[in-house]
Structures are given as C-alpha cells and as structure tokens.
N, C-alpha and C. Protein backbone atom coordinates (compact mmCIF):
# COMPACT_ATOMS: atom_id res chain seq x y z
N UNK A 1 1.17 23.10 -12.52
CA UNK A 1 1.55 21.95 -11.71
C UNK A 1 2.87 22.22 -10.97
N UNK A 2 3.83 22.82 -11.69
CA UNK A 2 5.12 23.09 -11.06
C UNK A 2 4.96 24.04 -9.87
N UNK A 3 4.03 25.00 -10.01
CA UNK A 3 3.78 25.93 -8.92
C UNK A 3 3.25 25.17 -7.70
N UNK A 4 2.33 24.22 -7.94
CA UNK A 4 1.78 23.41 -6.85
C UNK A 4 2.88 22.61 -6.17
N UNK A 5 3.72 21.96 -6.97
CA UNK A 5 4.81 21.16 -6.39
C UNK A 5 5.75 22.06 -5.59
N UNK A 6 6.05 23.24 -6.14
CA UNK A 6 6.94 24.16 -5.45
C UNK A 6 6.37 24.58 -4.11
N UNK A 7 5.07 24.90 -4.07
CA UNK A 7 4.45 25.31 -2.81
C UNK A 7 4.33 24.13 -1.86
N UNK A 8 3.93 22.96 -2.39
CA UNK A 8 3.71 21.78 -1.56
C UNK A 8 4.99 21.34 -0.86
N UNK A 9 6.10 21.44 -1.56
CA UNK A 9 7.37 20.99 -1.00
C UNK A 9 8.27 22.15 -0.61
N UNK A 10 7.67 23.28 -0.24
CA UNK A 10 8.48 24.46 0.08
C UNK A 10 9.36 24.25 1.31
N UNK A 11 9.02 23.28 2.15
CA UNK A 11 9.86 23.04 3.33
C UNK A 11 11.15 22.30 2.97
N UNK A 12 11.27 21.82 1.73
CA UNK A 12 12.51 21.18 1.30
C UNK A 12 13.44 22.25 0.74
N UNK A 13 14.12 22.93 1.59
CA UNK A 13 15.07 23.94 1.16
C UNK A 13 16.44 23.57 1.74
N UNK A 14 17.43 23.70 0.91
CA UNK A 14 18.79 23.43 1.36
C UNK A 14 19.21 24.58 2.26
N UNK A 15 19.72 24.28 3.44
CA UNK A 15 20.09 25.31 4.39
C UNK A 15 21.09 26.28 3.78
N UNK A 16 20.77 27.55 3.88
CA UNK A 16 21.67 28.59 3.41
C UNK A 16 21.64 28.82 1.92
N UNK A 17 21.04 27.91 1.13
CA UNK A 17 21.06 28.07 -0.32
C UNK A 17 19.71 28.50 -0.86
N UNK A 18 18.63 28.20 -0.12
CA UNK A 18 17.31 28.59 -0.58
C UNK A 18 16.87 27.88 -1.84
N UNK A 19 17.45 26.72 -2.14
CA UNK A 19 17.15 25.99 -3.36
C UNK A 19 16.09 24.93 -3.07
N UNK A 20 15.02 24.92 -3.85
CA UNK A 20 13.99 23.91 -3.69
C UNK A 20 14.51 22.59 -4.25
N UNK A 21 14.52 21.55 -3.44
CA UNK A 21 15.10 20.28 -3.86
C UNK A 21 14.30 19.60 -4.95
N UNK A 22 13.02 19.94 -5.11
CA UNK A 22 12.21 19.34 -6.15
C UNK A 22 12.12 20.22 -7.40
N UNK A 23 12.96 21.22 -7.51
CA UNK A 23 12.91 22.09 -8.69
C UNK A 23 13.54 21.37 -9.88
N UNK A 24 13.33 21.92 -11.07
CA UNK A 24 13.84 21.29 -12.30
C UNK A 24 15.36 21.22 -12.32
N UNK A 25 16.03 22.13 -11.61
CA UNK A 25 17.48 22.17 -11.66
C UNK A 25 18.14 21.23 -10.63
N UNK A 26 17.34 20.54 -9.85
CA UNK A 26 17.92 19.69 -8.83
C UNK A 26 18.57 18.46 -9.45
N UNK A 27 19.58 17.95 -8.78
CA UNK A 27 20.26 16.75 -9.24
C UNK A 27 19.52 15.52 -8.75
N UNK A 28 19.78 14.36 -9.33
CA UNK A 28 19.15 13.14 -8.83
C UNK A 28 19.45 12.89 -7.35
N UNK A 29 20.63 13.26 -6.89
CA UNK A 29 20.97 13.09 -5.48
C UNK A 29 20.09 13.96 -4.60
N UNK A 30 19.89 15.22 -5.01
CA UNK A 30 19.00 16.13 -4.27
C UNK A 30 17.58 15.59 -4.26
N UNK A 31 17.12 15.09 -5.39
CA UNK A 31 15.77 14.54 -5.50
C UNK A 31 15.61 13.34 -4.58
N UNK A 32 16.63 12.49 -4.52
CA UNK A 32 16.59 11.32 -3.64
C UNK A 32 16.55 11.71 -2.18
N UNK A 33 17.36 12.68 -1.79
CA UNK A 33 17.36 13.14 -0.39
C UNK A 33 16.02 13.76 -0.02
N UNK A 34 15.46 14.57 -0.91
CA UNK A 34 14.16 15.17 -0.65
C UNK A 34 13.08 14.09 -0.55
N UNK A 35 13.18 13.08 -1.39
CA UNK A 35 12.24 11.96 -1.32
C UNK A 35 12.33 11.22 0.00
N UNK A 36 13.54 11.03 0.49
CA UNK A 36 13.72 10.37 1.79
C UNK A 36 13.11 11.18 2.92
N UNK A 37 13.27 12.50 2.85
CA UNK A 37 12.65 13.37 3.88
C UNK A 37 11.13 13.28 3.83
N UNK A 38 10.58 13.29 2.62
CA UNK A 38 9.12 13.19 2.49
C UNK A 38 8.62 11.82 2.95
N UNK A 39 9.35 10.76 2.63
CA UNK A 39 8.98 9.41 3.07
C UNK A 39 9.02 9.32 4.59
N UNK A 40 10.03 9.91 5.19
CA UNK A 40 10.14 9.92 6.65
C UNK A 40 8.93 10.62 7.27
N UNK A 41 8.58 11.76 6.72
CA UNK A 41 7.43 12.50 7.23
C UNK A 41 6.13 11.68 7.06
N UNK A 42 5.98 11.06 5.92
CA UNK A 42 4.79 10.25 5.62
C UNK A 42 4.68 9.07 6.59
N UNK A 43 5.78 8.37 6.81
CA UNK A 43 5.76 7.21 7.70
C UNK A 43 5.54 7.62 9.16
N UNK A 44 6.09 8.75 9.54
CA UNK A 44 5.89 9.25 10.91
C UNK A 44 4.42 9.57 11.14
N UNK A 45 3.79 10.21 10.16
CA UNK A 45 2.35 10.50 10.27
C UNK A 45 1.53 9.21 10.31
N UNK A 46 2.05 8.14 9.70
CA UNK A 46 1.35 6.85 9.69
C UNK A 46 1.57 6.07 10.99
N UNK A 47 2.39 6.61 11.89
CA UNK A 47 2.57 5.99 13.19
C UNK A 47 3.88 5.25 13.41
N UNK A 48 4.77 5.25 12.44
CA UNK A 48 6.07 4.60 12.62
C UNK A 48 7.02 5.55 13.34
N UNK A 49 7.95 4.98 14.08
CA UNK A 49 8.99 5.76 14.75
C UNK A 49 10.29 5.55 13.98
N UNK A 50 10.88 6.62 13.47
CA UNK A 50 12.12 6.52 12.70
C UNK A 50 13.28 6.37 13.68
N UNK A 51 14.05 5.29 13.49
CA UNK A 51 15.19 5.01 14.37
C UNK A 51 16.48 5.56 13.76
N UNK A 52 16.68 5.30 12.46
CA UNK A 52 17.91 5.75 11.79
C UNK A 52 17.62 6.14 10.36
N UNK A 53 18.48 7.04 9.84
CA UNK A 53 18.40 7.49 8.46
C UNK A 53 19.72 7.18 7.77
N UNK A 54 19.65 6.72 6.55
CA UNK A 54 20.85 6.46 5.74
C UNK A 54 21.89 5.66 6.51
N UNK A 55 21.48 4.56 7.07
CA UNK A 55 22.36 3.72 7.88
C UNK A 55 23.31 2.94 6.98
N UNK A 56 24.60 3.20 7.17
CA UNK A 56 25.63 2.50 6.38
C UNK A 56 26.12 1.29 7.15
N UNK A 57 26.20 0.18 6.47
CA UNK A 57 26.72 -1.07 7.03
C UNK A 57 27.75 -1.59 6.04
N UNK A 58 29.00 -1.18 6.22
CA UNK A 58 30.03 -1.51 5.24
C UNK A 58 29.74 -0.76 3.95
N UNK A 59 29.61 -1.51 2.85
CA UNK A 59 29.30 -0.86 1.57
C UNK A 59 27.80 -0.88 1.27
N UNK A 60 27.00 -1.27 2.24
CA UNK A 60 25.54 -1.32 2.08
C UNK A 60 24.90 -0.14 2.81
N UNK A 61 23.71 0.26 2.35
CA UNK A 61 23.00 1.36 3.00
C UNK A 61 21.51 1.06 3.06
N UNK A 62 20.92 1.42 4.18
CA UNK A 62 19.47 1.32 4.35
C UNK A 62 18.96 2.76 4.48
N UNK A 63 18.00 3.14 3.64
CA UNK A 63 17.51 4.52 3.63
C UNK A 63 16.91 4.91 4.98
N UNK A 64 15.95 4.12 5.46
CA UNK A 64 15.31 4.41 6.75
C UNK A 64 15.14 3.12 7.54
N UNK A 65 15.42 3.21 8.83
CA UNK A 65 15.12 2.12 9.76
C UNK A 65 14.06 2.68 10.70
N UNK A 66 12.93 1.99 10.77
CA UNK A 66 11.81 2.47 11.58
C UNK A 66 11.30 1.36 12.48
N UNK A 67 10.44 1.73 13.41
CA UNK A 67 9.81 0.75 14.28
C UNK A 67 8.30 0.92 14.17
N UNK A 68 7.62 -0.20 13.94
CA UNK A 68 6.16 -0.25 13.86
C UNK A 68 5.70 -1.20 14.95
N UNK A 69 5.34 -0.63 16.10
CA UNK A 69 5.03 -1.40 17.31
C UNK A 69 6.28 -2.22 17.69
N UNK A 70 6.22 -3.55 17.63
CA UNK A 70 7.39 -4.36 18.01
C UNK A 70 8.13 -4.88 16.78
N UNK A 71 7.85 -4.31 15.62
CA UNK A 71 8.47 -4.78 14.38
C UNK A 71 9.43 -3.72 13.83
N UNK A 72 10.62 -4.16 13.44
CA UNK A 72 11.59 -3.28 12.81
C UNK A 72 11.30 -3.25 11.31
N UNK A 73 11.29 -2.05 10.75
CA UNK A 73 10.97 -1.89 9.33
C UNK A 73 12.16 -1.26 8.62
N UNK A 74 12.67 -1.95 7.61
CA UNK A 74 13.74 -1.43 6.77
C UNK A 74 13.09 -0.88 5.51
N UNK A 75 13.30 0.41 5.25
CA UNK A 75 12.58 1.09 4.17
C UNK A 75 13.55 1.53 3.08
N UNK A 76 13.23 1.16 1.86
CA UNK A 76 13.94 1.65 0.68
C UNK A 76 13.04 2.70 0.03
N UNK A 77 13.60 3.89 -0.20
CA UNK A 77 12.83 4.99 -0.77
C UNK A 77 13.30 5.21 -2.21
N UNK A 78 12.34 5.27 -3.13
CA UNK A 78 12.64 5.56 -4.53
C UNK A 78 11.78 6.73 -4.97
N UNK A 79 12.42 7.75 -5.55
CA UNK A 79 11.73 8.95 -5.99
C UNK A 79 11.99 9.17 -7.47
N UNK A 80 10.94 9.48 -8.21
CA UNK A 80 11.07 9.79 -9.64
C UNK A 80 10.22 11.02 -9.95
N UNK A 81 10.66 11.77 -10.93
CA UNK A 81 9.88 12.92 -11.37
C UNK A 81 8.58 12.47 -12.04
N UNK A 82 8.66 11.42 -12.86
CA UNK A 82 7.48 10.91 -13.56
C UNK A 82 7.69 9.42 -13.85
N UNK A 83 6.69 8.81 -14.45
CA UNK A 83 6.76 7.37 -14.73
C UNK A 83 7.19 7.06 -16.16
N UNK A 84 7.80 8.02 -16.82
CA UNK A 84 8.20 7.83 -18.21
C UNK A 84 9.09 6.60 -18.38
N UNK A 85 9.97 6.34 -17.44
CA UNK A 85 10.90 5.22 -17.54
C UNK A 85 10.53 4.09 -16.58
N UNK A 86 9.30 4.08 -16.11
CA UNK A 86 8.84 3.03 -15.21
C UNK A 86 8.54 3.59 -13.83
N UNK A 87 7.93 2.75 -13.02
CA UNK A 87 7.57 3.16 -11.67
C UNK A 87 8.79 3.11 -10.75
N UNK A 88 8.84 3.97 -9.74
CA UNK A 88 10.01 4.02 -8.86
C UNK A 88 10.34 2.66 -8.22
N UNK A 89 9.31 1.94 -7.78
CA UNK A 89 9.55 0.67 -7.09
C UNK A 89 10.16 -0.39 -8.00
N UNK A 90 10.06 -0.20 -9.32
CA UNK A 90 10.65 -1.18 -10.24
C UNK A 90 12.19 -1.14 -10.20
N UNK A 91 12.76 -0.08 -9.64
CA UNK A 91 14.22 0.00 -9.49
C UNK A 91 14.75 -0.87 -8.36
N UNK A 92 13.87 -1.41 -7.54
CA UNK A 92 14.31 -2.30 -6.46
C UNK A 92 14.27 -3.72 -7.02
N UNK A 93 15.30 -4.04 -7.79
CA UNK A 93 15.37 -5.34 -8.45
C UNK A 93 15.92 -6.40 -7.51
N UNK A 94 16.10 -7.61 -8.04
CA UNK A 94 16.55 -8.72 -7.21
C UNK A 94 17.89 -8.44 -6.54
N UNK A 95 18.81 -7.85 -7.28
CA UNK A 95 20.15 -7.54 -6.73
C UNK A 95 20.05 -6.56 -5.57
N UNK A 96 19.23 -5.52 -5.73
CA UNK A 96 19.04 -4.53 -4.67
C UNK A 96 18.34 -5.16 -3.46
N UNK A 97 17.34 -6.00 -3.72
CA UNK A 97 16.64 -6.69 -2.64
C UNK A 97 17.60 -7.56 -1.84
N UNK A 98 18.44 -8.29 -2.53
CA UNK A 98 19.41 -9.16 -1.86
C UNK A 98 20.36 -8.35 -0.98
N UNK A 99 20.83 -7.21 -1.49
CA UNK A 99 21.73 -6.34 -0.71
C UNK A 99 21.00 -5.78 0.51
N UNK A 100 19.75 -5.36 0.33
CA UNK A 100 18.98 -4.82 1.45
C UNK A 100 18.70 -5.89 2.50
N UNK A 101 18.43 -7.10 2.06
CA UNK A 101 18.20 -8.20 3.01
C UNK A 101 19.46 -8.48 3.82
N UNK A 102 20.60 -8.49 3.17
CA UNK A 102 21.87 -8.70 3.89
C UNK A 102 22.10 -7.60 4.92
N UNK A 103 21.91 -6.36 4.50
CA UNK A 103 22.11 -5.22 5.41
C UNK A 103 21.10 -5.27 6.55
N UNK A 104 19.85 -5.56 6.24
CA UNK A 104 18.81 -5.61 7.26
C UNK A 104 19.06 -6.71 8.29
N UNK A 105 19.43 -7.87 7.83
CA UNK A 105 19.69 -8.98 8.75
C UNK A 105 20.88 -8.66 9.64
N UNK A 106 21.91 -8.05 9.07
CA UNK A 106 23.09 -7.67 9.85
C UNK A 106 22.70 -6.65 10.92
N UNK A 107 21.95 -5.62 10.51
CA UNK A 107 21.49 -4.60 11.45
C UNK A 107 20.66 -5.24 12.56
N UNK A 108 19.75 -6.12 12.19
CA UNK A 108 18.85 -6.76 13.15
C UNK A 108 19.65 -7.56 14.18
N UNK A 109 20.62 -8.33 13.72
CA UNK A 109 21.43 -9.15 14.63
C UNK A 109 22.23 -8.29 15.60
N UNK A 110 22.73 -7.16 15.15
CA UNK A 110 23.57 -6.29 15.98
C UNK A 110 22.78 -5.40 16.93
N UNK A 111 21.55 -5.00 16.54
CA UNK A 111 20.87 -3.93 17.28
C UNK A 111 19.50 -4.26 17.85
N UNK A 112 18.96 -5.43 17.57
CA UNK A 112 17.56 -5.68 17.94
C UNK A 112 17.43 -6.88 18.86
N UNK A 113 16.29 -6.93 19.51
CA UNK A 113 15.96 -8.02 20.41
C UNK A 113 15.48 -9.23 19.61
N UNK A 114 15.81 -10.44 20.06
CA UNK A 114 15.35 -11.64 19.34
C UNK A 114 13.83 -11.80 19.36
N UNK A 115 13.14 -11.08 20.24
CA UNK A 115 11.68 -11.18 20.29
C UNK A 115 11.01 -10.31 19.22
N UNK A 116 11.78 -9.42 18.60
CA UNK A 116 11.23 -8.56 17.56
C UNK A 116 11.22 -9.29 16.21
N UNK A 117 10.41 -8.77 15.31
CA UNK A 117 10.41 -9.25 13.93
C UNK A 117 10.82 -8.09 13.03
N UNK A 118 11.05 -8.38 11.76
CA UNK A 118 11.41 -7.31 10.84
C UNK A 118 10.78 -7.56 9.48
N UNK A 119 10.71 -6.46 8.70
CA UNK A 119 10.17 -6.56 7.34
C UNK A 119 10.85 -5.50 6.47
N UNK A 120 10.67 -5.65 5.18
CA UNK A 120 11.25 -4.72 4.21
C UNK A 120 10.13 -4.04 3.43
N UNK A 121 10.09 -2.71 3.50
CA UNK A 121 9.07 -1.93 2.81
C UNK A 121 9.72 -1.05 1.76
N UNK A 122 8.90 -0.61 0.81
CA UNK A 122 9.33 0.36 -0.20
C UNK A 122 8.38 1.54 -0.14
N UNK A 123 8.93 2.75 -0.19
CA UNK A 123 8.12 3.95 -0.37
C UNK A 123 8.50 4.51 -1.73
N UNK A 124 7.51 4.53 -2.64
CA UNK A 124 7.72 5.00 -4.01
C UNK A 124 7.04 6.35 -4.17
N UNK A 125 7.82 7.36 -4.58
CA UNK A 125 7.31 8.71 -4.74
C UNK A 125 7.45 9.13 -6.20
N UNK A 126 6.34 9.59 -6.79
CA UNK A 126 6.33 10.12 -8.15
C UNK A 126 5.80 11.54 -8.09
N UNK A 127 6.45 12.47 -8.78
CA UNK A 127 6.07 13.88 -8.70
C UNK A 127 5.10 14.33 -9.79
N UNK A 128 5.16 13.74 -10.97
CA UNK A 128 4.33 14.20 -12.08
C UNK A 128 3.57 13.02 -12.67
N UNK A 129 2.37 13.15 -13.14
CA UNK A 129 1.62 14.39 -13.33
C UNK A 129 1.08 14.97 -12.03
N UNK A 130 0.99 14.18 -10.97
CA UNK A 130 0.63 14.70 -9.65
C UNK A 130 1.47 13.96 -8.62
N UNK A 131 1.64 14.54 -7.47
CA UNK A 131 2.45 13.93 -6.43
C UNK A 131 1.76 12.67 -5.93
N UNK A 132 2.50 11.58 -5.93
CA UNK A 132 1.96 10.29 -5.52
C UNK A 132 2.96 9.60 -4.59
N UNK A 133 2.47 9.13 -3.45
CA UNK A 133 3.32 8.39 -2.52
C UNK A 133 2.66 7.03 -2.29
N UNK A 134 3.40 5.98 -2.59
CA UNK A 134 2.88 4.63 -2.39
C UNK A 134 3.78 3.90 -1.40
N UNK A 135 3.18 3.39 -0.35
CA UNK A 135 3.90 2.65 0.68
C UNK A 135 3.59 1.17 0.48
N UNK A 136 4.59 0.40 0.14
CA UNK A 136 4.42 -1.02 -0.11
C UNK A 136 5.00 -1.77 1.09
N UNK A 137 4.11 -2.29 1.93
CA UNK A 137 4.54 -3.04 3.11
C UNK A 137 4.91 -4.46 2.70
N UNK A 138 5.89 -5.03 3.40
CA UNK A 138 6.35 -6.40 3.09
C UNK A 138 6.62 -6.55 1.60
N UNK A 139 7.37 -5.63 1.04
CA UNK A 139 7.60 -5.60 -0.40
C UNK A 139 8.37 -6.82 -0.91
N UNK A 140 9.25 -7.35 -0.06
CA UNK A 140 10.01 -8.55 -0.46
C UNK A 140 10.50 -9.27 0.77
C-alpha cells in the first residue's frame, strides 16, 4: 500500500529536497500542505476555478477560495493518514466553522460582487487503508 501511495503522490515533492510529502517521515504540516495541493487538483478537475490559496485575513485563514460558476466557495481541507482518531471532517468543529464563516464573510464583502453567492465546503482526505477524497458541499 505504501508503494502505491508513494507512486500515486509522486508529484508531491518538495523542491530541491526530493522528499515525498506523504511519506511516513513527513510532519503534520507537510501532510496538510500536500492535502491542500491534492484538494486543489481534485476541485479543478471537478470544474472549480481556484482564486486563492491559504488566504490570511488577520488571524484567520481560508485554505482555498474557489469559484463555481457565479458562486464563491470557501474550502477547508483536512488530511489524515487514517481514521484511527476519527474522520478528517470531524476536526471542523463549531469553533472552526464560526472562524471560517467570519473569514469568508469578510473576504466576500471586500472582494466579491453583491450578485454572487457563497458557500462553505470541506474536502476530507484519508490516506489509509486506501486513498479517499470526500468533497462535502455546503458543509455548514
């Protein structure tokens, strides 16, 4: 299985280091960044246009800002190696949702047209026992 994951995600290499971001030695930060890249690729193939990545708004952050036709989509990406401690999307609790809503509304007011709408999605990625990507539209 590790060989499959290594080959499947071979394009996730840190520039100049040759380190696979999904390898066993990767840090949670590396795993999160690799998950965001995979989520971006997945959403792009699904027809969304990525506008911004890791958008900081004060002390708040939105992983991905995308556009789906005339709708702005704020995406929270959660990546886990396995489901031993729960599903990735379960980490988006009420406190995190409230922070994302504040950041999303602020971003929308500053950067978007009043004729547009917006929503909050979650992309949950699990690596073991097999690679799984779940896109939850209108998650909250």
